[in-house]
């Protein structure tokens, strides 16, 4: 397979598709016309998008619809001398297909000349992943949000949506996007740090935090009620380990685990700290002491050579 795909390459079938769009219907709005024409286009295997509106001083208003692959790749990897783009994930290939709408008393379809009647690409084979042929409707979005509240895994949400709405042709990306929008709506303009503490309070977590002089959170310690109860019941062994800068804020996450008499591990708590300094570990251990109480002490605390303990 060639490494570069020139814009002038023609992988189409050489069929004039303007004949499928020669309709005499008039439309009250441009959206009605676009939706109707897109139904025809999707049945063939492509989509139409609005390219531009134009109006001469003495002529009617015109709306031009182009193939959804009609733009040219405009990234910084285009060689301007030969107009060749490397293989990328872009769908644009410079397809010339175009339909024109003209506004009179209503919107009418006007067919351009045959230079704009052909496609230079293969048509859609699978509906999944295309803007007009896949996605979530209102009922599916409602289902995603309800299952998100029930803490259902995204893959299970997708399976349920596929079973209930097989015609939507949604992908796992649609599920992730809807979950993200739903969570953003629930934040109610809270910042990430404020929402972090809000969720801890709403879920009855035991938590402590430190802030700097600017009010920015530098240290946060959290323990789920179940983990707290298990730690107070089985306090003998504690393991402490940190993952170095694996979150978007570049702050280490310290996990503390306990061991039950059945040799099963359980999460005691976790902390997000500014650095792995001795002060940060001292603060974490102080929180751990408050969590377990003054009358009980672990028999063993093991770490993976955490330098902050030196």
Protein backbone atom coordinates (compact mmCIF):
# COMPACT_ATOMS: atom_id res chain seq x y z
CA UNK A 1 0.00 0.00 0.00
CA UNK A 2 1.32 3.45 -0.86
CA UNK A 3 2.39 5.70 1.98
CA UNK A 4 0.85 8.79 0.42
CA UNK A 5 -2.60 9.36 -1.03
CA UNK A 6 -2.81 12.14 -3.70
CA UNK A 7 -5.93 14.26 -3.80
CA UNK A 8 -6.36 13.64 -7.49
CA UNK A 9 -6.75 9.87 -7.06
CA UNK A 10 -10.19 8.59 -8.08
CA UNK A 11 -11.38 5.55 -6.19
CA UNK A 12 -15.04 6.14 -7.02
CA UNK A 13 -17.28 4.04 -9.21
CA UNK A 14 -17.64 6.58 -12.05
CA UNK A 15 -21.42 6.82 -11.61
CA UNK A 16 -23.26 10.14 -12.03
CA UNK A 17 -25.31 10.41 -8.84
CA UNK A 18 -27.06 13.68 -9.66
CA UNK A 19 -29.94 11.71 -11.11
CA UNK A 20 -30.87 10.45 -7.63
CA UNK A 21 -31.37 14.05 -6.50
CA UNK A 22 -33.54 15.35 -9.33
CA UNK A 23 -36.65 16.04 -7.28
CA UNK A 24 -39.36 18.63 -7.76
CA UNK A 25 -40.39 18.97 -4.11
CA UNK A 26 -40.19 22.42 -2.51
CA UNK A 27 -39.15 22.91 1.11
CA UNK A 28 -40.16 25.60 3.57
CA UNK A 29 -36.76 25.72 5.32
CA UNK A 30 -33.24 24.87 4.31
CA UNK A 31 -33.04 22.34 7.17
CA UNK A 32 -36.01 20.44 5.76
CA UNK A 33 -34.32 20.32 2.37
CA UNK A 34 -30.98 19.22 3.81
CA UNK A 35 -32.60 16.48 5.88
CA UNK A 36 -34.53 15.14 2.89
CA UNK A 37 -31.48 15.14 0.64
CA UNK A 38 -29.44 13.47 3.34
CA UNK A 39 -31.94 10.64 3.53
CA UNK A 40 -31.23 9.99 -0.15
CA UNK A 41 -27.47 10.36 0.30
CA UNK A 42 -27.35 8.02 3.29
CA UNK A 43 -29.28 5.38 1.36
CA UNK A 44 -26.50 5.52 -1.26
CA UNK A 45 -23.65 5.50 1.24
CA UNK A 46 -22.47 9.06 1.95
CA UNK A 47 -23.54 12.20 3.76
CA UNK A 48 -24.17 15.80 2.72
CA UNK A 49 -23.04 18.84 4.68
CA UNK A 50 -23.63 22.54 4.10
CA UNK A 51 -20.63 24.07 2.39
CA UNK A 52 -21.64 27.71 1.91
CA UNK A 53 -24.36 30.25 1.15
CA UNK A 54 -23.98 32.60 -1.80
CA UNK A 55 -26.10 35.39 -3.28
CA UNK A 56 -25.47 37.63 -6.25
CA UNK A 57 -26.72 41.23 -6.06
CA UNK A 58 -29.53 40.42 -8.49
CA UNK A 59 -29.84 36.68 -7.95
CA UNK A 60 -31.53 34.39 -5.42
CA UNK A 61 -29.91 33.03 -2.29
CA UNK A 62 -28.20 29.71 -2.93
CA UNK A 63 -27.07 27.02 -0.50
CA UNK A 64 -24.37 24.58 -1.59
CA UNK A 65 -24.24 21.07 -0.15
CA UNK A 66 -21.08 19.03 -0.57
CA UNK A 67 -20.07 15.46 0.17
CA UNK A 68 -18.95 14.98 3.77
CA UNK A 69 -15.51 14.05 2.43
CA UNK A 70 -15.34 17.10 0.21
CA UNK A 71 -12.87 19.22 2.16
CA UNK A 72 -9.15 18.96 1.78
CA UNK A 73 -6.80 17.95 4.55
CA UNK A 74 -5.47 21.22 5.98
CA UNK A 75 -3.01 19.96 8.57
CA UNK A 76 0.67 20.76 8.68
CA UNK A 77 1.64 17.49 6.97
CA UNK A 78 0.60 18.52 3.47
CA UNK A 79 3.30 18.92 0.83
CA UNK A 80 2.18 22.11 -1.02
CA UNK A 81 4.20 21.20 -4.12
CA UNK A 82 2.40 17.97 -4.96
CA UNK A 83 -0.66 18.32 -2.70
CA UNK A 84 -0.12 14.86 -1.27
CA UNK A 85 -1.08 14.03 2.29
CA UNK A 86 0.30 11.15 4.33
CA UNK A 87 -2.05 8.45 5.54
CA UNK A 88 -3.93 9.96 8.46
CA UNK A 89 -7.22 9.40 10.19
CA UNK A 90 -8.85 12.30 8.35
CA UNK A 91 -11.86 11.47 6.18
CA UNK A 92 -11.32 14.40 3.79
CA UNK A 93 -10.19 13.54 0.26
CA UNK A 94 -11.34 16.50 -1.86
CA UNK A 95 -14.49 14.87 -3.26
CA UNK A 96 -16.15 17.22 -5.80
CA UNK A 97 -19.75 16.02 -5.42
CA UNK A 98 -22.13 18.93 -4.82
CA UNK A 99 -25.85 19.75 -4.77
CA UNK A 100 -27.33 23.25 -4.90
CA UNK A 101 -30.45 24.65 -3.19
CA UNK A 102 -32.03 27.83 -4.55
CA UNK A 103 -34.43 30.02 -2.60
CA UNK A 104 -37.48 31.28 -4.46
CA UNK A 105 -40.81 31.32 -2.71
CA UNK A 106 -39.43 28.11 -1.14
CA UNK A 107 -36.19 26.13 -1.34
CA UNK A 108 -35.78 24.11 -4.54
CA UNK A 109 -33.12 21.60 -5.58
CA UNK A 110 -30.91 22.78 -8.44
CA UNK A 111 -28.45 20.34 -10.02
CA UNK A 112 -24.98 21.76 -10.87
CA UNK A 113 -23.09 20.65 -13.97
CA UNK A 114 -21.77 17.11 -14.26
CA UNK A 115 -18.31 18.07 -12.97
CA UNK A 116 -19.84 17.86 -9.48
CA UNK A 117 -21.74 14.59 -9.96
CA UNK A 118 -19.03 12.03 -9.11
CA UNK A 119 -17.34 10.74 -5.97
CA UNK A 120 -13.65 9.89 -5.74
CA UNK A 121 -13.92 7.56 -2.74
CA UNK A 122 -15.61 4.41 -1.53
CA UNK A 123 -19.00 4.74 0.14
CA UNK A 124 -19.91 4.04 3.74
CA UNK A 125 -20.05 0.31 4.45
CA UNK A 126 -20.71 0.36 8.19
CA UNK A 127 -22.99 2.97 9.75
CA UNK A 128 -21.09 3.05 13.05
CA UNK A 129 -18.96 6.12 13.66
CA UNK A 130 -20.58 8.44 11.11
CA UNK A 131 -22.25 11.61 12.28
CA UNK A 132 -25.67 11.19 10.68
CA UNK A 133 -25.90 7.41 10.70
CA UNK A 134 -24.87 6.68 14.29
CA UNK A 135 -25.29 8.27 17.69
CA UNK A 136 -27.68 8.45 20.62
CA UNK A 137 -31.24 9.75 20.65
CA UNK A 138 -32.94 11.22 23.72
CA UNK A 139 -34.19 7.86 24.99
CA UNK A 140 -30.76 6.29 24.63
CA UNK A 141 -29.12 9.23 26.42
CA UNK A 142 -31.61 8.84 29.26
CA UNK A 143 -30.72 5.16 29.53
CA UNK A 144 -26.98 5.93 29.57
CA UNK A 145 -27.44 8.44 32.38
CA UNK A 146 -29.61 6.13 34.46
CA UNK A 147 -27.12 3.28 34.11
CA UNK A 148 -24.26 5.67 34.89
CA UNK A 149 -26.01 6.59 38.15
CA UNK A 150 -26.21 2.85 38.88
CA UNK A 151 -22.41 2.65 38.37
CA UNK A 152 -22.75 0.29 35.41
CA UNK A 153 -19.58 -0.32 33.39
CA UNK A 154 -19.52 1.45 29.97
CA UNK A 155 -19.26 -1.84 28.05
CA UNK A 156 -22.43 -3.07 29.76
CA UNK A 157 -24.18 0.22 29.04
CA UNK A 158 -23.29 -0.14 25.36
CA UNK A 159 -24.64 -3.70 25.29
CA UNK A 160 -27.93 -2.56 26.84
CA UNK A 161 -28.27 0.38 24.41
CA UNK A 162 -27.51 -1.90 21.45
CA UNK A 163 -30.23 -4.28 22.55
CA UNK A 164 -32.81 -1.54 23.15
CA UNK A 165 -31.92 0.66 20.15
CA UNK A 166 -30.25 -1.49 17.47
CA UNK A 167 -30.95 1.10 14.75
CA UNK A 168 -28.73 3.77 16.35
CA UNK A 169 -25.44 2.07 15.42
CA UNK A 170 -23.71 3.68 18.38
CA UNK A 171 -20.12 2.99 19.43
CA UNK A 172 -18.41 2.91 22.81
CA UNK A 173 -17.19 6.46 22.11
CA UNK A 174 -20.79 7.70 22.14
CA UNK A 175 -21.24 6.10 25.57
CA UNK A 176 -18.07 7.68 26.95
CA UNK A 177 -19.00 11.09 25.53
CA UNK A 178 -22.50 11.01 27.04
CA UNK A 179 -21.11 9.94 30.43
CA UNK A 180 -18.64 12.81 30.27
CA UNK A 181 -21.31 15.40 29.41
CA UNK A 182 -23.52 14.04 32.18
CA UNK A 183 -20.75 14.33 34.75
CA UNK A 184 -19.91 17.84 33.58
CA UNK A 185 -23.55 18.88 34.03
CA UNK A 186 -23.54 17.46 37.54
CA UNK A 187 -20.56 19.58 38.55
CA UNK A 188 -22.69 22.75 38.60
CA UNK A 189 -19.74 25.02 37.72
CA UNK A 190 -17.55 23.53 40.44
CA UNK A 191 -13.84 23.29 39.70
CA UNK A 192 -12.17 19.89 39.58
CA UNK A 193 -10.87 20.24 43.13
CA UNK A 194 -14.21 21.49 44.46
CA UNK A 195 -16.05 18.65 42.75
CA UNK A 196 -13.50 16.20 44.14
CA UNK A 197 -14.34 17.22 47.70
CA UNK A 198 -18.05 17.51 46.95
CA UNK A 199 -18.19 13.89 45.80
CA UNK A 200 -16.26 12.81 48.90
CA UNK A 201 -18.82 14.49 51.15
CA UNK A 202 -21.81 13.19 49.21
CA UNK A 203 -20.53 9.58 49.39
CA UNK A 204 -19.72 9.86 53.12
CA UNK A 205 -15.98 9.44 52.65
CA UNK A 206 -13.64 10.24 55.52
CA UNK A 207 -11.32 12.88 54.09
CA UNK A 208 -8.80 15.57 54.97
CA UNK A 209 -7.08 18.09 52.73
CA UNK A 210 -4.41 20.77 52.80
CA UNK A 211 -4.31 24.00 50.80
CA UNK A 212 -1.53 26.46 50.06
CA UNK A 213 -1.71 30.22 50.51
CA UNK A 214 -3.54 30.60 47.18
CA UNK A 215 -6.25 28.15 48.21
CA UNK A 216 -5.00 25.41 45.89
CA UNK A 217 -5.33 21.87 47.24
CA UNK A 218 -1.88 20.34 47.73
CA UNK A 219 -2.76 17.20 49.72
CA UNK A 220 -5.96 15.15 49.90
CA UNK A 221 -6.64 11.96 51.91
CA UNK A 222 -9.78 9.86 51.41
CA UNK A 223 -11.15 6.63 52.83
CA UNK A 224 -14.40 4.89 51.93
CA UNK A 225 -16.58 4.01 54.95
CA UNK A 226 -16.20 0.32 54.11
CA UNK A 227 -12.42 0.62 53.99
CA UNK A 228 -12.41 2.53 57.27
CA UNK A 229 -14.43 -0.16 59.04
CA UNK A 230 -12.27 -2.94 57.61
CA UNK A 231 -9.09 -1.14 58.71
CA UNK A 232 -10.35 -0.72 62.26
CA UNK A 233 -11.27 -4.41 62.32
CA UNK A 234 -8.01 -5.70 60.78
CA UNK A 235 -5.32 -3.09 61.56
CA UNK A 236 -2.29 -5.39 61.77
CA UNK A 237 -0.73 -5.08 58.29
CA UNK A 238 -0.59 -1.94 56.13
CA UNK A 239 0.99 -1.63 52.70
CA UNK A 240 1.82 1.79 51.27
CA UNK A 241 2.79 2.45 47.66
CA UNK A 242 2.58 5.38 45.29
CA UNK A 243 2.18 5.74 41.55
CA UNK A 244 4.44 8.49 40.32
CA UNK A 245 2.75 11.30 38.38
CA UNK A 246 0.13 9.22 36.61
CA UNK A 247 -2.68 11.81 36.68
CA UNK A 248 -3.21 14.96 34.63
CA UNK A 249 -2.02 17.20 37.49
CA UNK A 250 1.32 15.40 37.88
CA UNK A 251 0.60 14.62 41.55
CA UNK A 252 1.57 11.21 43.02
CA UNK A 253 -1.29 9.01 44.24
CA UNK A 254 -0.54 7.01 47.38
CA UNK A 255 -2.56 3.86 48.06
CA UNK A 256 -2.82 2.15 51.44
CA UNK A 257 -4.02 -1.44 51.63
CA UNK A 258 -4.73 -3.82 54.50
CA UNK A 259 -4.76 -7.60 54.78
CA UNK A 260 -7.65 -9.58 56.26
CA UNK A 261 -7.16 -12.92 58.09
CA UNK A 262 -8.43 -14.66 54.93
CA UNK A 263 -5.36 -13.31 53.04
CA UNK A 264 -7.58 -10.96 51.05
CA UNK A 265 -6.44 -7.38 50.44
CA UNK A 266 -8.71 -4.38 50.93
CA UNK A 267 -8.24 -0.70 50.18
CA UNK A 268 -7.87 1.36 53.34
CA UNK A 269 -7.46 4.79 51.81
CA UNK A 270 -5.69 6.76 49.13
CA UNK A 271 -4.04 10.14 49.08
CA UNK A 272 -3.08 12.59 46.37
CA UNK A 273 -0.08 14.69 47.36
CA UNK A 274 2.01 17.42 45.78
CA UNK A 275 5.27 15.45 46.03
CA UNK A 276 6.83 12.40 47.63
CA UNK A 277 8.67 14.35 50.30
CA UNK A 278 9.05 13.34 53.94
CA UNK A 279 6.50 16.00 54.88
CA UNK A 280 3.88 14.50 52.52
CA UNK A 281 4.33 11.00 53.94
CA UNK A 282 4.30 12.34 57.48
CA UNK A 283 0.95 14.03 56.77
CA UNK A 284 -0.44 10.83 55.24
CA UNK A 285 0.62 8.78 58.27
CA UNK A 286 -0.96 11.35 60.59
CA UNK A 287 -4.25 10.97 58.70
CA UNK A 288 -3.90 7.20 58.93
CA UNK A 289 -3.37 7.48 62.69
CA UNK A 290 -6.50 9.61 63.10
CA UNK A 291 -8.43 7.14 60.96
CA UNK A 292 -7.53 4.10 63.08
CA UNK A 293 -7.52 5.82 66.48
CA UNK A 294 -4.87 6.26 69.16
CA UNK A 295 -5.45 2.95 70.94
CA UNK A 296 -4.48 0.68 68.01
CA UNK A 297 -1.28 0.45 66.00
CA UNK A 298 -0.42 -1.72 62.98
CA UNK A 299 2.06 -4.48 63.61
CA UNK A 300 3.70 -4.11 60.18
CA UNK A 301 3.88 -1.30 57.63
CA UNK A 302 5.60 -2.27 54.37
CA UNK A 303 6.50 -0.10 51.39
CA UNK A 304 8.27 -0.40 48.07
CA UNK A 305 11.30 1.61 49.17
CA UNK A 306 9.49 4.92 49.39
CA UNK A 307 12.23 7.53 49.68
CA UNK A 308 9.99 9.81 51.71
CA UNK A 309 10.30 7.43 54.63
CA UNK A 310 14.10 7.71 54.75
